[in-house]
Amino acid sequence: MALPLDVCVRGAGVVGRTMALLLARERLRVGLVEAPAVNASTSDVRAYALNASSRSLLEMLRAWPDESHATPVQGMQVHGDDGGQVTFSAAAEHAPALAWIVDVGGLMERLGEAVRFQPLIETIPQPRAAALTVVCEGRASATRDEFGVNFDVRAYHQHAIAARVRCDRPHEQIARQWFSGGDILALLPLGGPHGNSAALVWSVQDDRAVELMALSAGEFEARLAQASHEVLGRLTLTTERAQWPLQLAQADRWCGPGWVLAGDAAHTVHPLAGQGLNLGLADAQALAQVLHSREYWRSPGDLKLLRRYERARKAEVMAMGFATDGLQQLFARTQQPWAALRNWGMNGFERFGPLKHWVARRAMGGL
């Protein structure tokens, strides 16, 4: 006979597995709903930019990947479309790295190992009754709909195209980003400090995404070399290309009696700042802290308790959504005087040390 659960976590992605591990540390018996793998032979081309806070959390759970799957970013170069430029340096911030670019496969493997060795976590194929259901199913969550939650979505009419590329030149642990004509191209270093591979994330308008995805590998590589000004030499695709629509979205309610949302099931932001997974991991940590400090007589599914979590997280998520949305809207305007104004602003920001330092520390996890 199956033992009763305190918590049922629906969704076994990065946020779901992290959530399960954190709640098991609170001596709660957790059921982790893990659906059968679909297209398991297809590699996941995504990579995450994780800040120092996320790294500390995953290290505490013994789930941080090895060096080959987590490349420290020592510098960041952001280029505008008319001479604007902003640079960041880990050395200037007296930090070991601005962020770490983490391979999704390596991270999921380490989290899976941690889950297997946690006796209070039971991996289950279907949801089971529990005092608390935590929904970590992602942006297309079906459970969220079952609870009658309105997911307020504003589409950007953009798609992100992602792939892995091999570079002729070493990446030198620099993350590079170009804003041009409404497109946002990012090349994120992979393969360790001395690697020469990168994760590509190219945010483009819907019709342009259709065009780019239809190109042959050679034609796509030529477009990519042009957009990146060949700073890393020739870029060669080493994986298939993937794409997904971009949106700004937030649930109107994050909790109810006996249930709570976390990660992309509660909110999504534009990927231009690389903060999406950091927000989701912070959700997991915040919920664990709320449950840790609960009154002894409160059930984990007590609504007043869950509202503490919702209040603790909504302000930060809304602020990040506002910031990324503002940047997306600013760079989506290709006509004058917007181009001149934003590039003037980028150069002014580059020269204004205190503001630049504050922004850098916030993106690094508020250290």
Protein backbone atom coordinates (compact mmCIF):
# COMPACT_ATOMS: atom_id res chain seq x y z
CA MET A 1 0.00 0.00 0.00
CA ALA A 2 1.37 3.41 -0.99
CA LEU A 3 2.24 5.72 1.87
CA PRO A 4 0.22 8.98 2.09
CA LEU A 5 1.87 12.07 0.61
CA ASP A 6 2.30 15.46 2.21
CA VAL A 7 3.06 17.13 -1.13
CA CYS A 8 2.45 16.15 -4.76
CA VAL A 9 4.71 18.02 -7.20
CA ARG A 10 3.29 17.96 -10.71
CA GLY A 11 6.07 18.41 -13.24
CA ALA A 12 9.58 16.95 -13.05
CA GLY A 13 11.57 19.60 -14.89
CA VAL A 14 14.32 21.63 -13.24
CA VAL A 15 11.95 23.61 -11.00
CA GLY A 16 9.85 20.55 -10.13
CA ARG A 17 12.83 18.41 -9.13
CA THR A 18 14.37 21.26 -7.16
CA MET A 19 11.05 21.84 -5.41
CA ALA A 20 10.76 18.16 -4.48
CA LEU A 21 14.29 18.09 -3.06
CA LEU A 22 13.75 21.24 -0.99
CA LEU A 23 10.45 20.06 0.46
CA ALA A 24 11.88 16.64 1.28
CA ARG A 25 14.53 18.45 3.32
CA GLU A 26 11.63 19.82 5.37
CA ARG A 27 10.75 16.21 6.28
CA LEU A 28 7.72 16.20 4.01
CA ARG A 29 6.88 13.08 2.03
CA VAL A 30 6.83 14.15 -1.62
CA GLY A 31 5.38 12.53 -4.72
CA LEU A 32 7.06 13.77 -7.91
CA VAL A 33 4.90 13.25 -10.99
CA GLU A 34 7.18 12.36 -13.87
CA ALA A 35 5.48 11.73 -17.21
CA PRO A 36 7.01 9.15 -19.59
CA ALA A 37 9.74 10.64 -21.77
CA VAL A 38 8.67 11.73 -25.25
CA ASN A 39 11.21 11.76 -28.10
CA ALA A 40 13.94 10.80 -25.66
CA SER A 41 16.40 10.40 -28.53
CA THR A 42 16.16 14.10 -29.37
CA SER A 43 18.73 16.20 -27.52
CA ASP A 44 17.61 19.30 -25.65
CA VAL A 45 19.41 22.31 -27.12
CA ARG A 46 18.45 24.71 -24.35
CA ALA A 47 20.96 26.20 -21.93
CA TYR A 48 20.26 28.25 -18.82
CA ALA A 49 22.01 31.35 -17.50
CA LEU A 50 22.06 30.78 -13.74
CA ASN A 51 23.11 33.39 -11.21
CA ALA A 52 25.07 32.94 -7.98
CA SER A 53 21.92 32.48 -5.89
CA SER A 54 20.73 29.64 -8.12
CA ARG A 55 24.16 28.04 -8.03
CA SER A 56 24.27 28.18 -4.22
CA LEU A 57 20.83 26.57 -4.04
CA LEU A 58 21.76 23.73 -6.41
CA GLU A 59 25.10 23.16 -4.69
CA MET A 60 23.28 22.85 -1.37
CA LEU A 61 21.14 20.14 -2.98
CA ARG A 62 24.28 18.48 -4.43
CA ALA A 63 22.86 18.95 -7.91
CA TRP A 64 25.31 21.43 -9.47
CA PRO A 65 26.77 20.05 -12.75
CA ASP A 66 30.49 19.56 -13.34
CA GLU A 67 32.64 22.09 -15.17
CA SER A 68 31.97 20.62 -18.60
CA HIS A 69 28.24 21.37 -18.17
CA ALA A 70 28.47 24.71 -16.30
CA THR A 71 30.63 27.39 -17.92
CA PRO A 72 31.39 30.51 -15.85
CA VAL A 73 30.78 33.81 -17.64
CA GLN A 74 33.64 36.23 -16.99
CA GLY A 75 32.40 38.98 -19.30
CA MET A 76 29.33 40.11 -21.18
CA GLN A 77 29.16 42.26 -24.30
CA VAL A 78 25.83 43.80 -25.36
CA HIS A 79 25.76 45.54 -28.74
CA GLY A 80 23.09 47.94 -29.95
CA ASP A 81 22.09 48.51 -33.57
CA ASP A 82 23.76 51.91 -34.02
CA GLY A 83 27.01 51.91 -32.09
CA GLY A 84 25.61 51.45 -28.60
CA GLN A 85 27.48 49.04 -26.37
CA VAL A 86 27.44 47.88 -22.75
CA THR A 87 30.04 45.58 -21.19
CA PHE A 88 30.11 43.79 -17.86
CA SER A 89 33.03 42.08 -16.15
CA ALA A 90 33.16 39.63 -13.26
CA ALA A 91 36.50 41.10 -12.23
CA ALA A 92 34.96 44.58 -11.95
CA GLU A 93 32.29 43.12 -9.65
CA HIS A 94 34.88 41.17 -7.61
CA ALA A 95 32.91 38.02 -8.32
CA PRO A 96 33.94 34.55 -9.54
CA ALA A 97 31.51 34.88 -12.47
CA LEU A 98 28.67 37.02 -13.74
CA ALA A 99 26.64 33.86 -14.31
CA TRP A 100 27.06 30.25 -15.34
CA ILE A 101 25.76 28.87 -18.64
CA VAL A 102 24.41 25.46 -17.74
CA ASP A 103 23.58 22.62 -20.11
CA VAL A 104 20.02 21.45 -19.48
CA GLY A 105 20.91 17.77 -19.90
CA GLY A 106 23.75 17.88 -17.38
CA LEU A 107 21.61 19.74 -14.84
CA MET A 108 18.65 17.39 -15.20
CA GLU A 109 20.93 14.39 -14.77
CA ARG A 110 22.37 15.71 -11.50
CA LEU A 111 18.91 16.61 -10.19
CA GLY A 112 17.68 13.14 -11.14
CA GLU A 113 20.50 11.54 -9.16
CA ALA A 114 19.69 13.68 -6.13
CA VAL A 115 16.00 12.71 -6.36
CA ARG A 116 16.84 8.99 -6.55
CA PHE A 117 18.91 9.18 -3.37
CA GLN A 118 16.27 11.11 -1.39
CA PRO A 119 14.14 8.52 0.47
CA LEU A 120 11.29 10.96 1.11
CA ILE A 121 10.69 11.49 -2.63
CA GLU A 122 8.63 8.96 -4.56
CA THR A 123 8.58 9.27 -8.33
CA ILE A 124 5.06 8.54 -9.53
CA PRO A 125 3.47 8.32 -13.01
CA GLN A 126 0.17 9.95 -12.04
CA PRO A 127 -0.88 12.58 -9.45
CA ARG A 128 -1.94 11.35 -6.04
CA ALA A 129 -3.89 12.97 -3.23
CA ALA A 130 -1.80 15.14 -0.91
CA ALA A 131 -2.25 18.00 1.52
CA LEU A 132 -0.50 20.27 -1.00
CA THR A 133 -0.24 20.10 -4.79
CA VAL A 134 2.62 22.14 -6.28
CA VAL A 135 2.18 22.83 -10.00
CA CYS A 136 5.50 23.02 -11.88
CA GLU A 137 4.27 21.89 -15.29
CA GLY A 138 5.49 24.88 -17.28
CA ARG A 139 3.72 27.52 -19.30
CA ALA A 140 1.23 25.07 -20.85
CA SER A 141 0.12 23.62 -17.50
CA ALA A 142 -3.11 21.64 -17.69
CA THR A 143 -3.46 21.50 -13.90
CA ARG A 144 -3.47 25.29 -13.72
CA ASP A 145 -6.49 25.28 -16.01
CA GLU A 146 -8.20 22.65 -13.84
CA PHE A 147 -7.91 25.01 -10.86
CA GLY A 148 -9.62 27.76 -12.86
CA VAL A 149 -6.61 30.08 -12.91
CA ASN A 150 -6.52 32.79 -15.56
CA PHE A 151 -3.10 32.90 -17.25
CA ASP A 152 -2.80 36.43 -18.61
CA VAL A 153 -0.66 36.11 -21.75
CA ARG A 154 0.70 38.89 -23.94
CA ALA A 155 2.33 37.46 -27.03
CA TYR A 156 5.42 39.21 -28.38
CA HIS A 157 4.82 37.83 -31.91
CA GLN A 158 8.37 36.56 -31.69
CA HIS A 159 9.89 33.10 -31.63
CA ALA A 160 13.14 32.05 -29.99
CA ILE A 161 15.32 29.87 -32.21
CA ALA A 162 17.79 27.79 -30.23
CA ALA A 163 20.65 25.50 -31.23
CA ARG A 164 24.22 24.62 -30.36
CA VAL A 165 27.10 25.85 -32.50
CA ARG A 166 30.82 25.19 -32.75
CA CYS A 167 32.95 28.33 -33.05
CA ASP A 168 36.21 28.71 -34.92
CA ARG A 169 37.55 30.80 -32.04
CA PRO A 170 37.37 30.13 -28.28
CA HIS A 171 34.52 31.94 -26.55
CA GLU A 172 36.89 33.23 -23.79
CA GLN A 173 34.01 32.88 -21.29
CA ILE A 174 32.22 35.89 -22.78
CA ALA A 175 28.45 35.99 -23.31
CA ARG A 176 27.60 38.08 -26.36
CA GLN A 177 24.32 39.70 -27.34
CA TRP A 178 23.29 41.80 -30.34
CA PHE A 179 20.14 43.93 -30.71
CA SER A 180 19.52 44.63 -34.39
CA GLY A 181 16.39 45.50 -36.36
CA GLY A 182 14.10 44.08 -33.69
CA ASP A 183 16.08 40.82 -33.47
CA ILE A 184 17.96 39.76 -30.33
CA LEU A 185 20.84 37.32 -30.86
CA ALA A 186 22.68 35.73 -27.94
CA LEU A 187 25.71 33.43 -28.03
CA LEU A 188 26.32 31.90 -24.63
CA PRO A 189 29.63 30.11 -23.85
CA LEU A 190 29.59 26.35 -23.34
CA GLY A 191 32.08 23.55 -22.89
CA GLY A 192 34.01 24.91 -19.92
CA PRO A 193 36.46 27.83 -19.61
CA HIS A 194 38.47 26.83 -22.66
CA GLY A 195 35.58 25.71 -24.83
CA ASN A 196 34.72 26.82 -28.33
CA SER A 197 31.03 25.97 -28.42
CA ALA A 198 28.04 28.15 -27.68
CA ALA A 199 24.32 28.02 -27.06
CA LEU A 200 22.45 30.11 -29.62
CA VAL A 201 19.22 31.92 -28.72
CA TRP A 202 17.91 34.11 -31.54
CA SER A 203 14.66 36.00 -30.82
CA VAL A 204 13.03 37.10 -34.08
CA GLN A 205 9.62 38.10 -35.41
CA ASP A 206 7.27 35.24 -36.24
CA ASP A 207 7.56 35.53 -40.02
CA ARG A 208 11.35 35.78 -39.83
CA ALA A 209 11.43 32.66 -37.65
CA VAL A 210 9.58 30.73 -40.34
CA GLU A 211 12.15 31.92 -42.89
CA LEU A 212 15.18 31.07 -40.73
CA MET A 213 13.88 27.63 -39.78
CA ALA A 214 13.30 26.80 -43.45
CA LEU A 215 16.92 27.54 -44.42
CA SER A 216 19.43 24.77 -44.93
CA ALA A 217 22.11 24.43 -42.26
CA GLY A 218 24.66 26.19 -44.46
CA GLU A 219 22.33 29.08 -45.27
CA PHE A 220 21.39 29.47 -41.62
CA GLU A 221 25.07 29.50 -40.60
CA ALA A 222 25.75 32.25 -43.14
CA ARG A 223 22.93 34.39 -41.71
CA LEU A 224 24.22 33.73 -38.21
CA ALA A 225 27.79 34.72 -39.11
CA GLN A 226 26.50 37.99 -40.55
CA ALA A 227 24.36 38.76 -37.48
CA SER A 228 27.25 38.03 -35.09
CA HIS A 229 29.76 40.03 -37.15
CA GLU A 230 31.96 36.90 -37.22
CA VAL A 231 33.46 37.76 -33.81
CA LEU A 232 33.84 34.03 -33.13
CA GLY A 233 34.72 33.15 -36.70
CA ARG A 234 32.70 30.55 -38.53
CA LEU A 235 29.77 29.13 -36.57
CA THR A 236 28.77 25.55 -37.38
CA LEU A 237 25.51 23.98 -36.21
CA THR A 238 26.08 20.87 -34.11
CA THR A 239 22.40 20.20 -33.31
CA GLU A 240 19.02 20.60 -34.91
CA ARG A 241 17.28 23.94 -34.43
CA ALA A 242 14.36 24.30 -32.02
CA GLN A 243 11.88 27.14 -31.66
CA TRP A 244 9.13 28.32 -29.33
CA PRO A 245 6.88 31.42 -29.12
CA LEU A 246 7.81 34.21 -26.70
CA GLN A 247 5.39 35.82 -24.29
CA LEU A 248 4.99 37.79 -21.11
CA ALA A 249 2.53 35.99 -18.84
CA GLN A 250 1.45 35.78 -15.23
CA ALA A 251 -1.26 33.85 -13.41
CA ASP A 252 -3.91 35.97 -11.72
CA ARG A 253 -3.79 33.63 -8.69
CA TRP A 254 -0.74 31.66 -7.60
CA CYS A 255 -2.45 29.61 -4.92
CA GLY A 256 -5.71 28.26 -3.53
CA PRO A 257 -6.72 25.83 -0.79
CA GLY A 258 -4.27 22.93 -1.11
CA TRP A 259 -2.50 24.04 -4.29
CA VAL A 260 0.17 26.47 -5.46
CA LEU A 261 1.91 27.42 -8.73
CA ALA A 262 5.65 27.83 -9.31
CA GLY A 263 8.02 28.50 -12.20
CA ASP A 264 6.67 28.93 -15.72
CA ALA A 265 3.25 27.68 -14.59
CA ALA A 266 2.98 30.95 -12.62
CA HIS A 267 4.93 33.39 -14.84
CA THR A 268 7.04 33.75 -17.96
CA VAL A 269 9.28 36.61 -19.10
CA HIS A 270 11.23 37.43 -22.25
CA PRO A 271 14.54 35.50 -22.35
CA LEU A 272 16.67 38.54 -23.25
CA ALA A 273 17.95 38.88 -19.66
CA GLY A 274 18.31 35.14 -19.07
CA GLN A 275 16.38 35.28 -15.79
CA GLY A 276 13.50 32.86 -16.38
CA LEU A 277 14.89 29.82 -14.57
CA ASN A 278 16.44 31.95 -11.83
CA LEU A 279 12.93 33.21 -11.04
CA GLY A 280 11.57 29.65 -10.96
CA LEU A 281 14.31 28.39 -8.64
CA ALA A 282 13.69 31.38 -6.37
CA ASP A 283 10.01 30.33 -6.27
CA ALA A 284 11.02 26.89 -5.06
CA GLN A 285 13.30 28.30 -2.38
CA ALA A 286 10.67 30.78 -1.19
CA LEU A 287 7.96 28.12 -0.86
CA ALA A 288 10.32 25.85 1.07
CA GLN A 289 11.14 28.71 3.44
CA VAL A 290 7.45 29.47 4.01
CA LEU A 291 6.73 25.82 4.80
CA HIS A 292 9.78 25.63 7.06
CA SER A 293 8.56 28.56 9.18
CA ARG A 294 4.89 27.54 9.31
CA GLU A 295 3.05 27.19 12.60
CA TYR A 296 3.06 23.58 13.78
CA TRP A 297 -0.70 23.34 13.50
CA ARG A 298 -0.93 24.52 9.87
CA SER A 299 -1.20 21.98 7.07
CA PRO A 300 1.20 22.49 4.12
CA GLY A 301 -1.89 23.28 2.04
CA ASP A 302 -3.23 26.01 4.34
CA LEU A 303 -4.33 28.94 2.15
CA LYS A 304 -3.08 31.66 4.51
CA LEU A 305 0.32 29.98 4.49
CA LEU A 306 0.45 29.76 0.69
CA ARG A 307 -0.50 33.41 0.33
CA ARG A 308 2.67 34.31 2.22
CA TYR A 309 4.61 32.65 -0.59
CA GLU A 310 2.56 34.42 -3.26
CA ARG A 311 3.16 37.83 -1.68
CA ALA A 312 6.87 37.11 -1.27
CA ARG A 313 7.37 36.27 -4.95
CA LYS A 314 4.95 38.39 -6.97
CA ALA A 315 6.77 41.70 -6.51
CA GLU A 316 10.11 40.39 -7.77
CA VAL A 317 8.54 38.57 -10.70
CA MET A 318 6.52 41.63 -11.71
CA ALA A 319 9.63 43.84 -11.53
CA MET A 320 11.61 41.47 -13.75
CA GLY A 321 8.72 41.19 -16.19
CA PHE A 322 8.42 44.97 -16.35
CA ALA A 323 12.17 45.36 -16.99
CA THR A 324 12.44 42.73 -19.70
CA ASP A 325 9.23 43.88 -21.36
CA GLY A 326 10.48 47.49 -21.42
CA LEU A 327 13.74 46.45 -23.07
CA GLN A 328 11.93 44.28 -25.60
CA GLN A 329 9.55 47.09 -26.52
CA LEU A 330 12.41 49.60 -26.80
CA PHE A 331 14.49 47.46 -29.15
CA ALA A 332 11.48 46.30 -31.17
CA ARG A 333 11.06 49.87 -32.48
CA THR A 334 13.31 50.12 -35.50
CA GLN A 335 12.37 53.61 -36.66
CA GLN A 336 14.03 56.90 -35.64
CA PRO A 337 14.34 58.49 -33.16
CA TRP A 338 14.10 55.28 -31.11
CA ALA A 339 17.31 53.77 -32.52
CA ALA A 340 19.36 56.86 -31.74
CA LEU A 341 17.75 57.26 -28.31
CA ARG A 342 18.37 53.70 -27.14
CA ASN A 343 21.97 53.63 -28.36
CA TRP A 344 22.60 56.96 -26.65
CA GLY A 345 21.09 55.44 -23.53
CA MET A 346 23.29 52.33 -23.77
CA ASN A 347 26.44 54.42 -24.04
CA GLY A 348 25.32 56.62 -21.14
CA PHE A 349 24.61 53.54 -19.04
CA GLU A 350 28.07 52.17 -19.89
CA ARG A 351 29.67 55.33 -18.48
CA PHE A 352 27.51 55.54 -15.35
CA GLY A 353 29.41 53.24 -13.00
CA PRO A 354 27.11 53.14 -9.92
CA LEU A 355 23.97 52.25 -11.90
CA LYS A 356 25.84 49.70 -13.98
CA HIS A 357 27.25 48.10 -10.84
CA TRP A 358 23.78 47.95 -9.21
CA VAL A 359 22.22 46.30 -12.27
CA ALA A 360 25.06 43.80 -12.49
CA ARG A 361 24.72 42.78 -8.85
CA ARG A 362 20.94 42.40 -9.15
CA ALA A 363 21.33 40.14 -12.21
CA MET A 364 23.95 38.11 -10.35
CA GLY A 365 21.47 37.32 -7.62
CA GLY A 366 21.48 40.42 -5.46
CA LEU A 367 24.85 39.70 -3.93
